[in-house]
Amino acid sequence: MRINGHGHVLPEPQQIPIFMKKKKLFWIDEDKGFMRQGNWSRPISGPGFFVQEKIKWMHQNNIDHGVMLCLSQLYCNGWKKKDCFDGIRFQNDFNASVQHAHPKKFTCGFVVQPLYIDQAIKEIDRCVNELGLKILCLPTHFLMANGEWRSTAEADVDPIFELANNYGLAIQIHPYDGEKMIALKNQYWRFHLVWMMAQCADTLHVYTLRDLPHKYPKLRTSFAHGGMLGMANYGRRVHGFDGRPDLFKNLQDPRKTLGHKNIYFDTLVHDPHTLNLLKKRVGVKQIIMGLDDPYPLGEIEGVGNSYPGRILDQANSEGLITKQEKKDIWCKNVLDWLGMKKML
């Protein structure tokens, strides 16, 4: 069985509440040419953006099941409380409808906004108990009321992690909003190609320093895009911890959680040598398949020589992973992260 642990799907234009377009929160053109938010837009190109197209694309690429995560545009950073409540409820209801309509094809995630912690707690209860969703999607960072950006792994978010731990949820942590956090001109696609990776590394840094894998032992957390810079930066983090212990009082050595059984990383690192570094750092059991479809930075056809599963094929052909490890990354490891023995 082949399971994609990192995918996304869009609602049909008519499924999006009218208020979201009126307030410029998020909408899709009626001709499905663009998705939009405020003054931002991006083209909808290629296969798999919508449910029926996604199912057809999965069949064509021998993908049996897909984990559909929340849309990054609906992390709701900086939104007013009422807009956040309505936007997140829409996103979660839509994802639940996809899972309920196609349980053999999709397992879907839900999102909450850490700024509004009471609202987030109620939404977790609703999504788990009423909607039957088991994957909590969190941004790497969120915007505080005072305008400060904070890592999702900071203590402010502990009530969310505590409840998620009680439910034994899978968690996926994904970067976004880098251009709002970093005072650099938005060009060269730098916020997707460089800063997203740095955002993942930053929250992985805090997540492990605060020893959250041991504090919340029932959580299974996956970092998007292979936590790429976090893997390359591991030696520097260790050296810093050893060299300036005064800066890390009451925090944990990064060595303590390296390769922890409840920290996962997806395969979306784009080259087999980076995947090999990930394998050497954390072990192949902590790696899950992640295609980030249908986006052009995902592992999809039509971008260079890319296609779904290319990196594992390359790594196997170069002797970096075995055929059994390849199979486990496509299936067993994803199930372990989800906390499932098999798909429905």
Protein backbone atom coordinates (compact mmCIF):
# COMPACT_ATOMS: atom_id res chain seq x y z
CA MET A 1 0.00 0.00 0.00
CA ARG A 2 1.21 3.53 -0.82
CA ILE A 3 0.10 6.34 1.49
CA ASN A 4 0.92 10.00 0.92
CA GLY A 5 1.35 11.62 4.34
CA HIS A 6 1.37 15.26 3.16
CA GLY A 7 -1.19 16.47 0.63
CA HIS A 8 -3.71 19.27 0.25
CA VAL A 9 -7.09 19.67 -1.42
CA LEU A 10 -9.12 22.77 -2.23
CA PRO A 11 -12.85 23.29 -1.75
CA GLU A 12 -14.96 24.02 -4.79
CA PRO A 13 -15.53 27.77 -5.23
CA GLN A 14 -19.21 27.49 -4.30
CA GLN A 15 -18.34 25.64 -1.08
CA ILE A 16 -16.52 28.68 0.34
CA PRO A 17 -18.80 30.93 2.43
CA ILE A 18 -19.64 34.26 0.83
CA PHE A 19 -18.35 36.22 3.84
CA MET A 20 -14.83 34.93 3.24
CA LYS A 21 -14.69 36.56 -0.18
CA LYS A 22 -16.40 39.73 1.01
CA LYS A 23 -13.82 40.10 3.78
CA LYS A 24 -11.02 38.99 1.42
CA LEU A 25 -10.09 36.19 3.81
CA PHE A 26 -9.92 33.42 1.20
CA TRP A 27 -11.75 32.52 -2.00
CA ILE A 28 -11.37 30.78 -5.34
CA ASP A 29 -12.37 32.20 -8.71
CA GLU A 30 -15.47 30.66 -10.21
CA ASP A 31 -13.46 29.44 -13.20
CA LYS A 32 -10.96 27.86 -10.76
CA GLY A 33 -8.14 29.87 -12.29
CA PHE A 34 -6.79 31.37 -9.03
CA MET A 35 -7.04 31.07 -5.27
CA ARG A 36 -6.99 34.44 -3.52
CA GLN A 37 -6.50 36.07 -0.13
CA GLY A 38 -6.40 39.83 0.35
CA ASN A 39 -4.11 41.14 -2.41
CA TRP A 40 -2.38 37.76 -2.77
CA SER A 41 -3.20 35.22 -5.44
CA ARG A 42 -1.71 32.08 -6.94
CA PRO A 43 -2.71 30.14 -10.04
CA ILE A 44 -4.47 26.82 -9.74
CA SER A 45 -2.54 24.72 -12.22
CA GLY A 46 -1.91 21.03 -12.67
CA PRO A 47 -3.91 18.03 -11.48
CA GLY A 48 -5.20 17.23 -8.03
CA PHE A 49 -6.33 20.56 -6.59
CA PHE A 50 -9.94 19.43 -6.15
CA VAL A 51 -11.34 16.20 -4.73
CA GLN A 52 -12.42 14.36 -7.87
CA GLU A 53 -9.29 15.40 -9.75
CA LYS A 54 -7.22 14.32 -6.73
CA ILE A 55 -8.75 10.85 -6.71
CA LYS A 56 -8.05 10.46 -10.42
CA TRP A 57 -4.47 11.69 -9.95
CA MET A 58 -3.93 9.27 -7.08
CA HIS A 59 -5.14 6.37 -9.20
CA GLN A 60 -2.86 7.36 -12.07
CA ASN A 61 0.13 7.43 -9.70
CA ASN A 62 -0.64 4.27 -7.75
CA ILE A 63 -1.35 6.14 -4.50
CA ASP A 64 -3.87 4.27 -2.40
CA HIS A 65 -4.52 6.78 0.35
CA GLY A 66 -3.76 10.44 1.04
CA VAL A 67 -3.44 12.47 4.23
CA MET A 68 -4.99 15.84 3.42
CA LEU A 69 -3.76 18.62 5.67
CA CYS A 70 -5.17 22.10 6.21
CA LEU A 71 -4.46 24.93 3.79
CA SER A 72 -1.63 27.17 4.97
CA GLN A 73 -3.71 30.20 3.97
CA LEU A 74 -6.17 29.24 6.71
CA TYR A 75 -3.80 29.23 9.67
CA CYS A 76 -5.52 32.60 10.29
CA ASN A 77 -2.47 34.43 11.68
CA GLY A 78 -3.45 38.01 12.41
CA TRP A 79 -7.17 37.44 11.90
CA LYS A 80 -9.79 38.91 14.20
CA LYS A 81 -11.25 36.41 16.65
CA LYS A 82 -14.65 36.08 14.95
CA ASP A 83 -13.10 35.75 11.49
CA CYS A 84 -10.67 33.17 12.85
CA PHE A 85 -13.51 31.19 14.42
CA ASP A 86 -15.54 31.19 11.20
CA GLY A 87 -12.60 30.55 8.86
CA ILE A 88 -11.18 27.67 10.87
CA ARG A 89 -14.59 26.10 11.35
CA PHE A 90 -15.12 26.20 7.58
CA GLN A 91 -11.73 24.63 6.88
CA ASN A 92 -12.25 21.85 9.40
CA ASP A 93 -15.81 21.13 8.29
CA PHE A 94 -14.65 20.92 4.68
CA ASN A 95 -11.81 18.53 5.49
CA ALA A 96 -14.17 16.39 7.56
CA SER A 97 -16.61 16.24 4.64
CA VAL A 98 -13.82 14.97 2.38
CA GLN A 99 -12.84 12.27 4.86
CA HIS A 100 -16.43 11.21 5.48
CA ALA A 101 -17.27 11.04 1.77
CA HIS A 102 -14.11 9.10 0.86
CA PRO A 103 -12.86 7.27 3.97
CA LYS A 104 -10.89 4.72 1.96
CA LYS A 105 -9.08 7.46 0.06
CA PHE A 106 -8.50 10.26 2.57
CA THR A 107 -7.56 10.91 6.17
CA CYS A 108 -7.87 14.62 6.88
CA GLY A 109 -6.41 17.06 9.37
CA PHE A 110 -7.85 20.02 11.23
CA VAL A 111 -6.37 23.34 12.29
CA VAL A 112 -6.60 25.66 15.31
CA GLN A 113 -5.12 29.09 15.99
CA PRO A 114 -2.95 29.23 19.16
CA LEU A 115 -3.58 32.96 19.72
CA TYR A 116 -7.17 32.24 20.75
CA ILE A 117 -6.41 29.40 23.12
CA ASP A 118 -9.91 28.93 24.56
CA GLN A 119 -11.35 28.83 21.06
CA ALA A 120 -8.65 26.36 20.02
CA ILE A 121 -9.40 23.97 22.89
CA LYS A 122 -13.11 23.89 22.05
CA GLU A 123 -12.34 23.31 18.38
CA ILE A 124 -10.04 20.37 19.15
CA ASP A 125 -12.84 18.77 21.17
CA ARG A 126 -15.32 19.37 18.35
CA CYS A 127 -13.03 18.05 15.61
CA VAL A 128 -12.15 14.89 17.50
CA ASN A 129 -15.50 14.05 19.06
CA GLU A 130 -17.95 15.33 16.43
CA LEU A 131 -16.00 15.28 13.16
CA GLY A 132 -13.81 12.24 13.77
CA LEU A 133 -10.55 13.97 12.79
CA LYS A 134 -7.27 12.76 14.28
CA ILE A 135 -4.53 15.00 12.82
CA LEU A 136 -3.93 18.44 14.32
CA CYS A 137 -2.30 20.88 11.89
CA LEU A 138 -0.29 23.73 13.42
CA PRO A 139 1.79 26.51 11.88
CA THR A 140 5.44 26.70 12.91
CA HIS A 141 4.74 30.21 14.25
CA PHE A 142 1.75 32.32 15.14
CA LEU A 143 1.16 36.03 15.60
CA MET A 144 0.58 37.25 19.15
CA ALA A 145 -1.86 40.06 19.94
CA ASN A 146 1.06 42.42 20.56
CA GLY A 147 2.46 41.82 17.07
CA GLU A 148 5.20 39.42 18.17
CA TRP A 149 5.71 36.18 16.26
CA ARG A 150 6.10 33.15 18.49
CA SER A 151 7.01 29.52 17.87
CA THR A 152 4.16 27.06 18.25
CA ALA A 153 6.44 25.02 20.53
CA GLU A 154 6.52 27.76 23.20
CA ALA A 155 4.77 27.38 26.55
CA ASP A 156 1.81 29.51 25.43
CA VAL A 157 0.65 26.56 23.34
CA ASP A 158 1.03 23.89 26.04
CA PRO A 159 -2.75 23.67 26.69
CA ILE A 160 -3.19 22.62 23.06
CA PHE A 161 -0.45 20.02 23.29
CA GLU A 162 -1.84 18.74 26.59
CA LEU A 163 -5.31 18.17 25.15
CA ALA A 164 -3.87 16.70 21.94
CA ASN A 165 -1.80 14.36 24.09
CA ASN A 166 -4.90 13.25 25.99
CA TYR A 167 -6.51 12.37 22.66
CA GLY A 168 -3.34 10.74 21.32
CA LEU A 169 -3.39 12.85 18.17
CA ALA A 170 -0.97 12.98 15.30
CA ILE A 171 0.35 16.51 14.75
CA GLN A 172 1.75 18.11 11.63
CA ILE A 173 3.78 21.31 11.90
CA HIS A 174 4.11 23.34 8.73
CA PRO A 175 5.64 26.77 7.93
CA TYR A 176 3.90 29.79 6.40
CA ASP A 177 3.77 33.61 6.56
CA GLY A 178 7.55 33.99 6.35
CA GLU A 179 7.23 37.23 4.37
CA LYS A 180 5.31 38.73 7.31
CA MET A 181 7.98 37.66 9.80
CA ILE A 182 11.21 38.52 7.98
CA ALA A 183 12.06 42.04 6.80
CA LEU A 184 13.22 41.03 3.34
CA LYS A 185 11.78 41.87 -0.05
CA ASN A 186 9.45 39.16 -1.29
CA GLN A 187 11.39 38.06 -4.36
CA TYR A 188 13.41 35.08 -5.60
CA TRP A 189 10.71 32.88 -4.00
CA ARG A 190 12.97 33.12 -0.96
CA PHE A 191 10.22 32.61 1.61
CA HIS A 192 9.31 29.23 0.13
CA LEU A 193 12.79 28.09 -0.85
CA VAL A 194 14.78 29.24 2.19
CA TRP A 195 12.74 30.75 4.99
CA MET A 196 10.12 28.04 5.23
CA MET A 197 12.93 25.63 5.96
CA ALA A 198 14.30 27.99 8.59
CA GLN A 199 10.87 28.28 10.21
CA CYS A 200 10.70 24.48 10.55
CA ALA A 201 14.22 24.40 12.02
CA ASP A 202 13.33 27.11 14.53
CA THR A 203 10.27 25.32 15.90
CA LEU A 204 12.06 21.96 15.93
CA HIS A 205 14.76 23.72 17.98
CA VAL A 206 12.25 24.93 20.57
CA TYR A 207 10.22 21.68 20.47
CA THR A 208 13.25 19.63 21.46
CA LEU A 209 14.80 22.12 23.90
CA ARG A 210 11.53 22.09 25.82
CA ASP A 211 11.53 18.29 25.64
CA LEU A 212 7.95 18.13 24.38
CA PRO A 213 8.29 14.54 23.05
CA HIS A 214 8.79 13.32 26.62
CA LYS A 215 6.41 15.82 28.22
CA TYR A 216 3.61 14.68 25.89
CA PRO A 217 4.42 11.02 25.16
CA LYS A 218 1.18 10.22 23.33
CA LEU A 219 1.79 12.83 20.63
CA ARG A 220 3.33 11.89 17.30
CA THR A 221 4.58 15.02 15.56
CA SER A 222 5.66 15.33 11.94
CA PHE A 223 7.69 18.29 10.69
CA ALA A 224 6.99 19.25 7.09
CA HIS A 225 9.57 19.28 4.30
CA GLY A 226 11.89 16.93 6.11
CA GLY A 227 12.80 19.56 8.71
CA MET A 228 15.64 20.20 6.26
CA LEU A 229 17.59 23.01 7.89
CA GLY A 230 16.94 21.44 11.28
CA MET A 231 18.85 18.36 10.14
CA ALA A 232 21.73 20.33 8.64
CA ASN A 233 21.85 22.57 11.71
CA TYR A 234 21.88 19.81 14.33
CA GLY A 235 25.64 19.98 14.97
CA ARG A 236 25.53 23.74 15.47
CA ARG A 237 22.67 23.40 17.95
CA VAL A 238 24.60 20.82 19.96
CA HIS A 239 27.76 22.94 19.88
CA GLY A 240 25.81 25.98 21.01
CA PHE A 241 24.19 24.07 23.84
CA ASP A 242 27.61 22.90 25.04
CA GLY A 243 29.33 26.25 24.53
CA ARG A 244 26.79 28.56 26.18
CA PRO A 245 25.03 26.56 28.92
CA ASP A 246 24.00 29.84 30.55
CA LEU A 247 21.56 30.38 27.68
CA PHE A 248 19.88 27.02 28.11
CA LYS A 249 19.00 26.83 31.80
CA ASN A 250 16.09 24.44 32.45
CA LEU A 251 16.20 23.31 28.80
CA GLN A 252 17.18 19.95 27.38
CA ASP A 253 20.20 18.83 25.38
CA PRO A 254 19.27 18.45 21.66
CA ARG A 255 20.89 15.01 21.74
CA LYS A 256 18.12 13.79 24.06
CA THR A 257 15.40 13.76 21.42
CA LEU A 258 17.36 13.09 18.23
CA GLY A 259 15.65 10.13 16.58
CA HIS A 260 12.83 10.08 19.13
CA LYS A 261 10.13 7.60 18.18
CA ASN A 262 7.42 10.27 18.24
CA ILE A 263 9.14 12.84 15.99
CA TYR A 264 8.65 12.28 12.27
CA PHE A 265 9.79 14.05 9.12
CA ASP A 266 8.35 13.78 5.63
CA THR A 267 10.39 12.98 2.53
CA LEU A 268 9.95 16.29 0.75
CA VAL A 269 13.64 17.26 0.65
CA HIS A 270 14.01 16.98 -3.15
CA ASP A 271 17.33 15.10 -3.35
CA PRO A 272 18.48 11.67 -2.15
CA HIS A 273 21.58 12.96 -0.34
CA THR A 274 19.51 15.19 1.95
CA LEU A 275 17.19 12.24 2.52
CA ASN A 276 20.25 10.18 3.43
CA LEU A 277 21.27 12.81 5.98
CA LEU A 278 17.77 12.63 7.45
CA LYS A 279 18.04 8.86 7.64
CA LYS A 280 21.43 9.04 9.36
CA ARG A 281 20.23 11.66 11.84
CA VAL A 282 16.89 10.20 12.95
CA GLY A 283 16.60 6.72 11.44
CA VAL A 284 14.44 5.53 8.58
CA LYS A 285 11.54 4.61 10.91
CA GLN A 286 10.96 8.33 11.54
CA ILE A 287 10.55 9.21 7.86
CA ILE A 288 7.13 9.30 6.20
CA MET A 289 6.18 9.85 2.59
CA GLY A 290 5.18 13.45 1.86
CA LEU A 291 4.40 14.74 -1.61
CA ASP A 292 2.92 18.18 -0.80
CA ASP A 293 0.67 17.75 -3.81
CA PRO A 294 -0.67 19.51 -5.81
CA TYR A 295 1.77 22.41 -5.45
CA PRO A 296 4.78 22.93 -7.75
CA LEU A 297 7.21 22.59 -4.84
CA GLY A 298 5.66 19.22 -4.18
CA GLU A 299 6.88 15.96 -5.65
CA ILE A 300 4.59 15.97 -8.67
CA GLU A 301 4.95 15.39 -12.36
CA GLY A 302 5.54 18.32 -14.72
CA VAL A 303 8.31 19.98 -12.66
CA GLY A 304 11.67 19.03 -14.16
CA ASN A 305 12.00 15.26 -13.93
CA SER A 306 9.84 15.06 -10.82
CA TYR A 307 7.07 12.54 -10.20
CA PRO A 308 5.42 11.13 -7.05
CA GLY A 309 7.92 8.87 -5.34
CA ARG A 310 10.97 10.01 -7.29
CA ILE A 311 13.19 10.69 -4.28
CA LEU A 312 12.66 7.21 -2.83
CA ASP A 313 13.32 5.62 -6.22
CA GLN A 314 16.55 7.62 -6.53
CA ALA A 315 17.65 6.83 -2.98
CA ASN A 316 16.99 3.13 -3.56
CA SER A 317 18.83 3.05 -6.88
CA GLU A 318 21.84 4.74 -5.26
CA GLY A 319 21.87 2.24 -2.39
CA LEU A 320 20.86 4.79 0.26
CA ILE A 321 17.70 2.95 1.29
CA THR A 322 16.61 -0.64 0.83
CA LYS A 323 13.46 -1.82 -0.94
CA GLN A 324 11.93 -2.67 2.44
CA GLU A 325 12.76 0.78 3.85
CA LYS A 326 11.17 2.31 0.77
CA LYS A 327 7.99 0.29 1.37
CA ASP A 328 7.95 1.27 5.05
CA ILE A 329 8.25 4.98 4.25
CA TRP A 330 5.32 4.67 1.85
CA CYS A 331 3.10 2.81 4.32
CA LYS A 332 4.12 1.47 7.75
CA ASN A 333 5.82 4.66 8.93
CA VAL A 334 2.84 6.80 7.91
CA LEU A 335 0.51 4.48 9.80
CA ASP A 336 2.79 4.66 12.85
CA TRP A 337 2.64 8.45 12.76
CA LEU A 338 -1.15 8.36 12.43
CA GLY A 339 -1.40 5.83 15.26
CA MET A 340 -3.13 3.30 13.03
CA LYS A 341 -2.33 -0.35 12.30
CA LYS A 342 -3.99 -0.23 8.92
CA MET A 343 -6.20 1.98 6.79
CA LEU A 344 -9.97 1.53 6.80
